[in-house]
Protein backbone atom coordinates (compact mmCIF):
# COMPACT_ATOMS: atom_id res chain seq x y z
CA MET A 1 329.05 -49.27 63.05
CA LYS A 2 328.06 -47.18 60.01
CA PRO A 3 329.62 -48.02 56.68
CA ALA A 4 332.34 -45.59 55.69
CA SER A 5 331.87 -43.53 52.54
CA PHE A 6 335.17 -44.95 51.36
CA PRO A 7 335.77 -48.34 53.01
CA LEU A 8 338.71 -48.49 55.37
CA PRO A 9 341.64 -50.85 54.67
CA PRO A 10 341.43 -54.14 56.57
CA ASP A 11 344.01 -53.17 59.16
CA LEU A 12 341.91 -50.14 60.19
CA ILE A 13 338.63 -52.01 60.44
CA ASP A 14 337.65 -53.01 63.96
CA GLU A 15 336.65 -56.64 63.53
CA GLN A 16 335.54 -56.92 67.16
CA ALA A 17 333.14 -54.06 66.65
CA MET A 18 331.63 -55.39 63.42
CA LEU A 19 331.83 -59.20 63.25
CA PRO A 20 330.31 -60.28 66.59
CA ALA A 21 327.20 -58.26 65.85
CA LEU A 22 326.85 -59.98 62.45
CA GLN A 23 327.36 -63.30 64.19
CA ARG A 24 324.66 -62.59 66.78
CA GLN A 25 322.18 -61.54 64.10
CA ALA A 26 322.83 -64.76 62.13
CA PHE A 27 322.53 -66.84 65.31
CA ASP A 28 319.19 -65.32 66.26
CA TYR A 29 317.65 -66.74 63.11
CA PHE A 30 317.97 -70.28 64.53
CA ILE A 31 316.29 -69.28 67.81
CA GLU A 32 313.46 -67.21 66.28
CA GLN A 33 312.64 -69.59 63.40
CA SER A 34 312.77 -72.96 65.21
CA ASN A 35 310.07 -75.08 66.76
CA PRO A 36 311.37 -75.96 70.26
CA ALA A 37 309.13 -79.02 70.46
CA ASN A 38 310.88 -80.84 67.57
CA GLY A 39 313.91 -78.72 66.71
CA LEU A 40 312.83 -78.10 63.11
CA VAL A 41 314.01 -74.79 61.63
CA ARG A 42 312.10 -72.79 59.04
CA ASP A 43 313.76 -72.56 55.61
CA LYS A 44 313.00 -68.83 55.52
CA ASP A 45 311.31 -66.50 57.96
CA LYS A 46 307.93 -66.43 56.26
CA THR A 47 304.87 -67.41 58.22
CA GLY A 48 303.63 -70.86 57.26
CA TRP A 49 306.87 -71.74 55.45
CA PRO A 50 308.24 -75.28 56.05
CA ALA A 51 311.44 -76.44 57.67
CA SER A 52 314.64 -77.17 55.76
CA ILE A 53 316.74 -80.08 57.02
CA ALA A 54 319.88 -78.27 55.94
CA ALA A 55 318.87 -75.39 58.19
CA VAL A 56 318.39 -77.91 61.00
CA GLY A 57 321.99 -79.12 60.52
CA LEU A 58 323.25 -75.55 60.62
CA ALA A 59 321.15 -74.89 63.71
CA LEU A 60 322.67 -77.84 65.57
CA THR A 61 326.13 -76.48 64.89
CA SER A 62 325.04 -72.96 65.71
CA TYR A 63 323.92 -73.93 69.16
CA CYS A 64 327.48 -75.02 69.90
CA VAL A 65 328.80 -71.68 68.70
CA GLY A 66 326.06 -69.91 70.64
CA VAL A 67 327.20 -71.44 73.90
CA GLU A 68 330.83 -70.57 73.19
CA ARG A 69 330.01 -66.92 72.40
CA GLY A 70 327.53 -66.45 75.26
CA PHE A 71 324.48 -66.19 72.98
CA MET A 72 322.68 -68.97 74.90
CA THR A 73 323.11 -71.12 77.95
CA CYS A 74 324.52 -74.64 77.73
CA SER A 75 321.28 -76.00 79.27
CA ASP A 76 319.18 -74.36 76.59
CA ALA A 77 321.47 -75.66 73.83
CA ILE A 78 321.24 -79.22 75.24
CA ALA A 79 317.45 -78.99 75.45
CA ARG A 80 317.14 -77.77 71.84
CA THR A 81 319.62 -80.34 70.58
CA LEU A 82 317.91 -83.21 72.40
CA ALA A 83 314.49 -82.17 71.05
CA THR A 84 315.93 -82.19 67.54
CA LEU A 85 317.73 -85.52 67.72
CA ARG A 86 314.79 -87.23 69.49
CA PHE A 87 312.46 -86.08 66.74
CA LEU A 88 314.76 -87.20 63.98
CA ALA A 89 315.26 -90.61 65.56
CA ALA A 90 311.56 -91.20 66.22
CA SER A 91 310.05 -89.73 63.06
CA GLU A 92 308.72 -92.08 60.42
CA GLN A 93 311.35 -93.70 58.14
CA SER A 94 309.54 -95.49 55.33
CA ASP A 95 308.73 -95.34 51.65
CA SER A 96 305.42 -93.65 52.42
CA PRO A 97 305.01 -90.31 50.59
CA ALA A 98 303.94 -88.78 53.93
CA ALA A 99 306.99 -89.99 55.90
CA THR A 100 309.79 -87.79 57.24
CA GLY A 101 312.59 -89.86 55.69
CA TYR A 102 313.70 -93.19 54.34
CA LYS A 103 316.89 -95.25 54.52
CA GLY A 104 318.30 -92.75 57.02
CA PHE A 105 317.89 -89.82 54.60
CA TYR A 106 315.41 -86.99 55.16
CA TYR A 107 313.14 -85.04 52.85
CA HIS A 108 314.38 -81.63 51.84
CA PHE A 109 311.41 -79.75 53.32
CA LEU A 110 309.27 -80.81 56.31
CA ASP A 111 306.15 -79.46 57.94
CA MET A 112 307.21 -77.37 60.90
CA ASP A 113 304.70 -78.93 63.25
CA ASN A 114 304.35 -82.62 62.35
CA GLY A 115 307.64 -83.06 60.47
CA ARG A 116 306.13 -84.75 57.46
CA ARG A 117 307.27 -84.25 53.87
CA VAL A 118 305.81 -81.22 52.08
CA TRP A 119 305.64 -80.00 48.47
CA ALA A 120 306.26 -83.50 47.16
CA CYS A 121 309.94 -82.74 47.61
CA GLU A 122 312.81 -85.14 47.22
CA LEU A 123 314.62 -87.26 49.77
CA SER A 124 317.76 -85.13 49.56
CA SER A 125 321.27 -86.53 49.70
CA ILE A 126 323.07 -83.18 50.09
CA ASP A 127 320.65 -81.77 52.60
CA THR A 128 320.83 -84.94 54.64
CA ALA A 129 324.64 -84.57 54.59
CA LEU A 130 324.39 -81.01 55.91
CA LEU A 131 321.97 -82.25 58.57
CA MET A 132 324.39 -85.03 59.57
CA ALA A 133 327.29 -82.53 59.76
CA GLY A 134 325.27 -80.71 62.37
CA VAL A 135 324.38 -83.94 64.16
CA LEU A 136 328.04 -84.92 64.40
CA ALA A 137 329.00 -81.39 65.57
CA ALA A 138 326.51 -81.73 68.44
CA ALA A 139 327.91 -85.15 69.39
CA GLN A 140 331.42 -83.74 69.34
CA TYR A 141 330.57 -80.72 71.48
CA PHE A 142 328.40 -82.27 74.12
CA ASP A 143 330.99 -84.68 75.50
CA GLY A 144 330.01 -84.73 79.20
CA ASP A 145 328.94 -87.77 81.24
CA ASP A 146 325.47 -86.57 82.34
CA LYS A 147 322.49 -88.41 80.96
CA ASP A 148 321.47 -85.71 78.51
CA GLU A 149 324.87 -85.44 76.88
CA LEU A 150 325.20 -89.20 76.76
CA GLU A 151 321.84 -89.36 75.05
CA ILE A 152 322.88 -86.73 72.51
CA ARG A 153 325.92 -88.78 71.53
CA ALA A 154 323.91 -92.00 71.36
CA LEU A 155 321.20 -90.47 69.19
CA ALA A 156 323.77 -88.79 66.92
CA ASP A 157 325.57 -92.07 66.38
CA LEU A 158 322.26 -93.84 65.60
CA LEU A 159 321.26 -91.18 63.07
CA TYR A 160 324.60 -91.18 61.24
CA ARG A 161 324.89 -94.97 61.17
CA ARG A 162 321.35 -95.27 59.81
CA VAL A 163 322.08 -93.37 56.59
CA ASP A 164 322.42 -95.85 53.74
CA TRP A 165 324.86 -93.97 51.55
CA GLN A 166 325.41 -97.04 49.33
CA TRP A 167 321.73 -97.08 48.42
CA MET A 168 321.93 -93.47 47.20
CA ARG A 169 324.40 -94.53 44.51
CA ALA A 170 321.63 -96.49 42.75
CA ARG A 171 323.85 -98.82 40.71
CA CYS A 172 326.33 -96.10 39.64
CA GLN A 173 329.53 -94.77 41.14
CA LEU A 174 328.34 -91.19 41.73
CA LEU A 175 325.89 -90.32 44.50
CA ARG A 176 322.43 -89.31 43.34
CA HIS A 177 320.80 -85.98 44.17
CA GLY A 178 317.86 -87.73 45.72
CA TRP A 179 314.86 -90.03 45.55
CA LYS A 180 311.06 -89.68 45.45
CA PRO A 181 308.58 -92.39 46.48
CA GLU A 182 306.49 -91.66 43.39
CA THR A 183 309.23 -91.92 40.77
CA GLY A 184 312.37 -93.38 42.37
CA PHE A 185 315.86 -91.92 42.08
CA LEU A 186 316.41 -88.53 40.57
CA ARG A 187 318.34 -88.61 37.31
CA LYS A 188 320.98 -86.15 38.37
CA CYS A 189 324.12 -87.33 40.13
CA TRP A 190 326.60 -85.19 42.06
CA ARG A 191 329.01 -84.52 39.17
CA GLY A 192 331.43 -81.58 38.88
CA TYR A 193 332.85 -79.50 41.73
CA ASP A 194 329.94 -78.52 43.95
CA GLU A 195 328.77 -78.43 47.57
CA ALA A 196 328.85 -82.24 47.66
CA LEU A 197 332.33 -82.42 49.16
CA ILE A 198 330.82 -82.85 52.66
CA LEU A 199 328.42 -85.44 51.22
CA TYR A 200 331.20 -87.65 49.79
CA VAL A 201 333.33 -87.32 52.89
CA LEU A 202 330.47 -88.36 55.19
CA ALA A 203 329.52 -91.20 52.89
CA LEU A 204 333.12 -92.44 52.83
CA GLY A 205 333.51 -92.22 56.59
CA SER A 206 330.32 -94.15 57.45
CA PRO A 207 330.93 -97.12 59.74
CA SER A 208 327.75 -98.87 58.52
CA PHE A 209 326.98 -98.12 54.84
CA PRO A 210 330.07 -96.54 53.37
CA ILE A 211 330.72 -95.82 49.72
CA GLU A 212 334.16 -96.72 48.39
CA ARG A 213 337.06 -94.67 47.04
CA PRO A 214 336.13 -95.18 43.36
CA SER A 215 332.99 -93.13 43.95
CA TYR A 216 335.02 -90.21 45.18
CA ASP A 217 337.53 -90.54 42.35
CA ALA A 218 334.66 -90.58 39.83
CA TRP A 219 333.42 -87.30 41.32
CA THR A 220 336.80 -85.57 41.19
CA ALA A 221 337.34 -86.83 37.65
CA SER A 222 334.42 -84.64 36.59
CA PHE A 223 336.04 -81.40 37.90
CA GLU A 224 336.76 -78.40 35.65
CA TRP A 225 340.08 -76.58 36.09
CA LYS A 226 339.94 -73.05 34.65
CA SER A 227 341.99 -69.94 34.32
CA VAL A 228 339.96 -66.75 34.85
CA TYR A 229 341.49 -63.26 34.98
CA GLY A 230 344.85 -65.04 35.15
CA ILE A 231 343.81 -67.01 38.21
CA ASP A 232 344.00 -70.82 37.94
CA TYR A 233 341.56 -72.73 40.09
CA LEU A 234 339.00 -75.52 40.35
CA TYR A 235 335.93 -73.79 38.93
CA ALA A 236 332.47 -73.39 40.41
CA GLY A 237 330.61 -70.19 39.64
CA SER A 238 328.49 -69.78 42.76
CA LEU A 239 330.31 -68.74 45.93
CA PHE A 240 328.25 -71.00 48.25
CA ILE A 241 329.77 -74.04 46.55
CA HIS A 242 333.19 -72.91 47.79
CA GLN A 243 331.88 -72.36 51.31
CA MET A 244 329.17 -74.79 52.43
CA SER A 245 331.31 -77.90 53.02
CA HIS A 246 334.11 -75.70 54.40
CA ALA A 247 331.88 -74.53 57.26
CA TRP A 248 332.74 -77.93 58.91
CA LEU A 249 335.80 -79.15 56.99
CA ASP A 250 339.15 -77.49 57.71
CA LEU A 251 341.08 -78.23 54.48
CA ARG A 252 343.90 -75.77 54.92
CA GLY A 253 347.01 -77.56 53.81
CA ALA A 254 345.15 -80.84 53.23
CA GLN A 255 345.20 -82.29 49.71
CA ASP A 256 343.53 -85.15 47.86
CA ASP A 257 344.90 -86.57 44.61
CA PHE A 258 343.21 -83.89 42.51
CA MET A 259 344.63 -80.98 44.53
CA ARG A 260 348.07 -82.60 44.80
CA ALA A 261 348.22 -82.78 41.02
CA HIS A 262 347.59 -79.02 40.85
CA GLY A 263 349.79 -78.02 43.78
CA LEU A 264 346.85 -76.54 45.64
CA ASP A 265 344.41 -77.22 48.50
CA TYR A 266 340.68 -76.56 48.72
CA ALA A 267 341.06 -73.64 51.10
CA GLU A 268 343.41 -71.85 48.70
CA ASN A 269 341.07 -72.76 45.88
CA THR A 270 338.23 -71.03 47.74
CA ARG A 271 340.42 -67.99 48.16
CA ARG A 272 341.09 -67.88 44.43
CA ALA A 273 337.33 -68.27 43.67
CA THR A 274 336.67 -65.31 45.98
CA LEU A 275 339.25 -63.18 44.19
CA VAL A 276 337.71 -64.09 40.85
CA GLN A 277 334.35 -62.87 42.14
CA GLN A 278 335.81 -59.52 43.04
CA ARG A 279 337.59 -59.23 39.69
CA TYR A 280 334.32 -60.03 37.90
CA ALA A 281 332.50 -57.34 39.82
CA ILE A 282 335.16 -54.80 38.99
CA ASP A 283 334.99 -55.82 35.30
CA ASN A 284 331.19 -55.74 35.54
CA PRO A 285 330.58 -57.03 31.96
CA LEU A 286 326.76 -56.56 32.25
CA GLY A 287 327.02 -53.04 33.59
CA PHE A 288 325.12 -53.41 36.84
CA PRO A 289 325.21 -50.49 39.30
CA GLY A 290 326.72 -51.24 42.65
CA TYR A 291 329.25 -53.78 41.36
CA GLY A 292 332.91 -52.99 42.00
CA GLU A 293 335.90 -53.45 44.30
CA HIS A 294 333.64 -53.56 47.39
CA GLY A 295 330.39 -54.57 45.72
CA TRP A 296 330.58 -58.29 44.89
CA GLY A 297 329.28 -61.66 46.07
CA ILE A 298 327.31 -63.71 43.54
CA SER A 299 325.84 -66.84 45.03
CA ALA A 300 322.66 -68.69 45.93
CA SER A 301 320.32 -65.92 47.06
CA ASP A 302 316.89 -64.47 46.86
CA GLY A 303 316.06 -62.03 44.05
CA PRO A 304 313.38 -59.68 42.72
CA GLY A 305 311.92 -62.21 40.24
CA PRO A 306 310.51 -64.06 38.61
CA ALA A 307 310.03 -61.09 36.31
CA THR A 308 311.23 -59.58 33.09
CA GLN A 309 311.58 -55.81 33.08
CA GLN A 310 313.71 -52.84 31.98
CA SER A 311 316.82 -52.21 34.00
CA MET A 312 319.47 -49.65 33.03
CA GLY A 313 317.97 -49.46 29.56
CA VAL A 314 318.13 -53.24 28.99
CA ARG A 315 315.26 -55.71 29.20
CA ARG A 316 316.43 -58.32 31.72
CA CYS A 317 315.19 -61.53 33.26
CA PHE A 318 315.19 -61.50 37.06
CA ARG A 319 314.82 -64.62 39.23
CA ASP A 320 313.89 -65.33 42.81
CA TYR A 321 315.96 -67.76 44.92
CA VAL A 322 318.50 -69.36 42.61
CA GLY A 323 322.17 -70.29 42.52
CA ARG A 324 323.71 -67.32 40.74
CA GLY A 325 327.36 -67.46 39.70
CA ALA A 326 330.30 -65.72 38.11
CA PRO A 327 331.91 -65.33 35.70
CA TYR A 328 329.89 -67.87 33.70
CA GLY A 329 326.76 -68.41 35.79
CA PHE A 330 323.44 -66.57 35.86
CA ASP A 331 323.80 -62.93 36.88
CA ASP A 332 320.82 -60.57 37.14
CA GLY A 333 322.42 -57.88 39.30
CA THR A 334 321.78 -59.61 42.61
CA LEU A 335 324.57 -59.40 45.19
CA ALA A 336 324.53 -61.54 48.36
CA PRO A 337 326.42 -59.95 51.30
CA TRP A 338 325.97 -63.20 53.24
CA ALA A 339 328.27 -64.93 50.76
CA VAL A 340 330.86 -62.18 51.16
CA ALA A 341 330.84 -62.72 54.92
CA ALA A 342 331.19 -66.48 54.50
CA SER A 343 334.39 -65.90 52.48
CA LEU A 344 336.10 -64.19 55.42
CA PRO A 345 338.51 -66.96 56.52
CA PHE A 346 339.87 -67.24 52.99
CA ALA A 347 340.29 -63.67 51.77
CA PRO A 348 339.94 -61.23 54.69
CA GLU A 349 341.80 -58.46 52.90
CA ILE A 350 338.94 -58.06 50.37
CA VAL A 351 336.07 -59.27 52.58
CA LEU A 352 336.47 -56.85 55.47
CA PRO A 353 336.31 -53.69 53.31
CA ALA A 354 333.30 -55.11 51.46
CA LEU A 355 331.53 -55.90 54.75
CA ALA A 356 332.26 -52.41 56.02
CA GLN A 357 330.54 -50.99 52.95
CA GLN A 358 327.62 -53.47 53.00
CA HIS A 359 327.21 -53.39 56.78
CA ASP A 360 323.88 -51.52 56.65
CA VAL A 361 322.38 -54.25 54.45
CA PHE A 362 323.10 -56.86 57.08
CA HIS A 363 320.98 -54.93 59.53
CA ALA A 364 318.07 -54.85 57.13
CA ARG A 365 315.64 -57.79 57.23
CA SER A 366 317.65 -59.70 54.70
CA THR A 367 321.26 -60.40 53.86
CA VAL A 368 320.52 -60.08 50.17
CA PHE A 369 320.11 -56.98 47.99
CA VAL A 370 319.77 -56.21 44.33
CA THR A 371 320.97 -53.11 42.48
CA GLN A 372 318.33 -52.25 39.97
CA GLN A 373 317.96 -48.94 38.12
CA GLY A 374 320.35 -47.38 40.60
CA LYS A 375 318.25 -48.37 43.63
CA HIS A 376 318.56 -51.10 46.22
CA TRP A 377 315.93 -53.87 46.26
CA VAL A 378 316.16 -55.68 49.57
CA SER A 379 314.59 -59.09 50.00
CA PRO A 380 311.98 -59.20 52.80
CA TRP A 381 313.18 -62.63 53.88
CA ARG A 382 316.08 -64.24 55.69
CA PHE A 383 317.16 -67.83 54.98
CA GLY A 384 318.66 -70.39 57.33
CA ILE A 385 321.05 -71.72 54.74
CA ASN A 386 322.41 -68.15 54.32
CA ASP A 387 322.67 -67.17 57.97
CA GLY A 388 324.22 -70.47 59.05
CA PRO A 389 327.39 -70.15 56.95
CA VAL A 390 327.76 -66.51 58.08
CA LEU A 391 327.76 -67.55 61.71
CA LEU A 392 330.09 -70.55 61.29
CA MET A 393 332.57 -68.92 58.94
CA LEU A 394 332.89 -65.78 61.03
CA ASP A 395 333.58 -68.00 64.00
CA ASN A 396 336.14 -70.00 62.05
CA HIS A 397 337.88 -66.73 61.23
CA LEU A 398 337.70 -65.30 64.73
CA HIS A 399 338.15 -68.41 66.89
CA ASP A 400 338.79 -71.46 64.73
CA PHE A 401 336.03 -73.08 66.74
CA PRO A 402 333.80 -75.01 64.29
CA TRP A 403 336.90 -76.28 62.46
CA ARG A 404 338.62 -77.22 65.71
CA LEU A 405 335.48 -79.00 66.91
CA MET A 406 335.13 -81.07 63.75
CA ARG A 407 338.81 -81.89 63.58
CA GLY A 408 338.10 -84.13 66.54
CA ASN A 409 335.39 -86.16 64.81
CA ARG A 410 336.59 -89.59 63.85
CA TYR A 411 334.04 -90.09 61.11
CA LEU A 412 335.02 -86.92 59.25
CA ARG A 413 338.70 -87.86 59.65
CA ASP A 414 338.04 -91.37 58.37
CA GLY A 415 336.16 -89.96 55.38
CA LEU A 416 338.94 -87.56 54.47
CA VAL A 417 341.61 -90.22 54.81
CA LYS A 418 339.58 -92.67 52.73
CA ALA A 419 339.30 -89.97 50.02
CA GLY A 420 343.10 -89.73 49.97
CA PHE A 421 343.57 -86.50 51.88
CA THR A 422 346.93 -85.94 53.56
CA GLY A 423 348.57 -82.95 55.13
CA GLY A 424 347.15 -80.05 57.10
CA TRP A 425 345.70 -81.06 60.45
CA LEU A 426 345.51 -84.69 59.26
CA ALA A 427 349.29 -84.86 59.53
CA ALA A 428 349.24 -84.07 63.26
């Protein structure tokens, strides 16, 4: 489907002609960039690049979607899932700098072949949470009584129960960003509204090493409520923050104490954040070409930097992969169509026309482009943590499948209830 010169209104856009193709393209990343022997998935599709454990978690969930949509056979999905879980369960868990993980957590980046830590990276709390979300999705989906599906559920339970969430607090209420064997815990804690919602929910719901409610309350106490363009919402500038946890968590109508106090829920909050992004692009305070009603989406994405150069008569600093944001975050003219697609369940009336206009970009090698001096710069790379949310959120919009799957998981439910959530599907 070619993008229209003037995007059609949502009711005239054929979702079934456009969205399944975008889903299939996103799904293919996890087949093409995985190592079938151990299930590890490359962070980006560059030869020699390491795996990202967040991409592995997205892959495990994507296999479930792939079976449902006919993108792969159930037997292939089971084989890939088993290879992944067996590797995670058997890989070295120790304080050695060369290990794969420690205390149930895993290093952010791993060698694609041997699974060992690379780049002296951190033992990552958030990336482990995204990995565990995928692990639990696999356990929820493969619910049969044959030996392979029984093994999937046993391994998933082992992996989740092994994560020592209490340890990651490191003598404070908030969860830490991570730990390194050379220097210990990272200084930064998960503070302020961010992608850590799934992290806190999984840590609260743990049957073995749970954190307690005061940790969650300390996190929400650090939130910033803002009014932007006349829209009141819980602020986070980068769109991926409003999406990543929501790929698994259906929070429509569900409220914790913070949201009850503001008469809102996190799904409506994400909708408002999406509308703010569009309003910012229309306002376009920095004068970037390409921004407008259908040209928006500022998030974590690749970019043309690091470089400083003239653009539209102004000397600007450009960055590579970074968490861009609006209206107060870093903005160098980079738009991320993947983040627009991942907003679909929350604001379809502005997402569908934008996707119709940006459709050709999705069929380039990357889901990210930059408008620079009136021309499009397109990243040569795709990223697992970009394609995964596209696949899952489009499926949530079209079929309610990832959300429906995870609504059946007792650990996620326990975590939400322990955080004080009521309403929505939790009331059923």
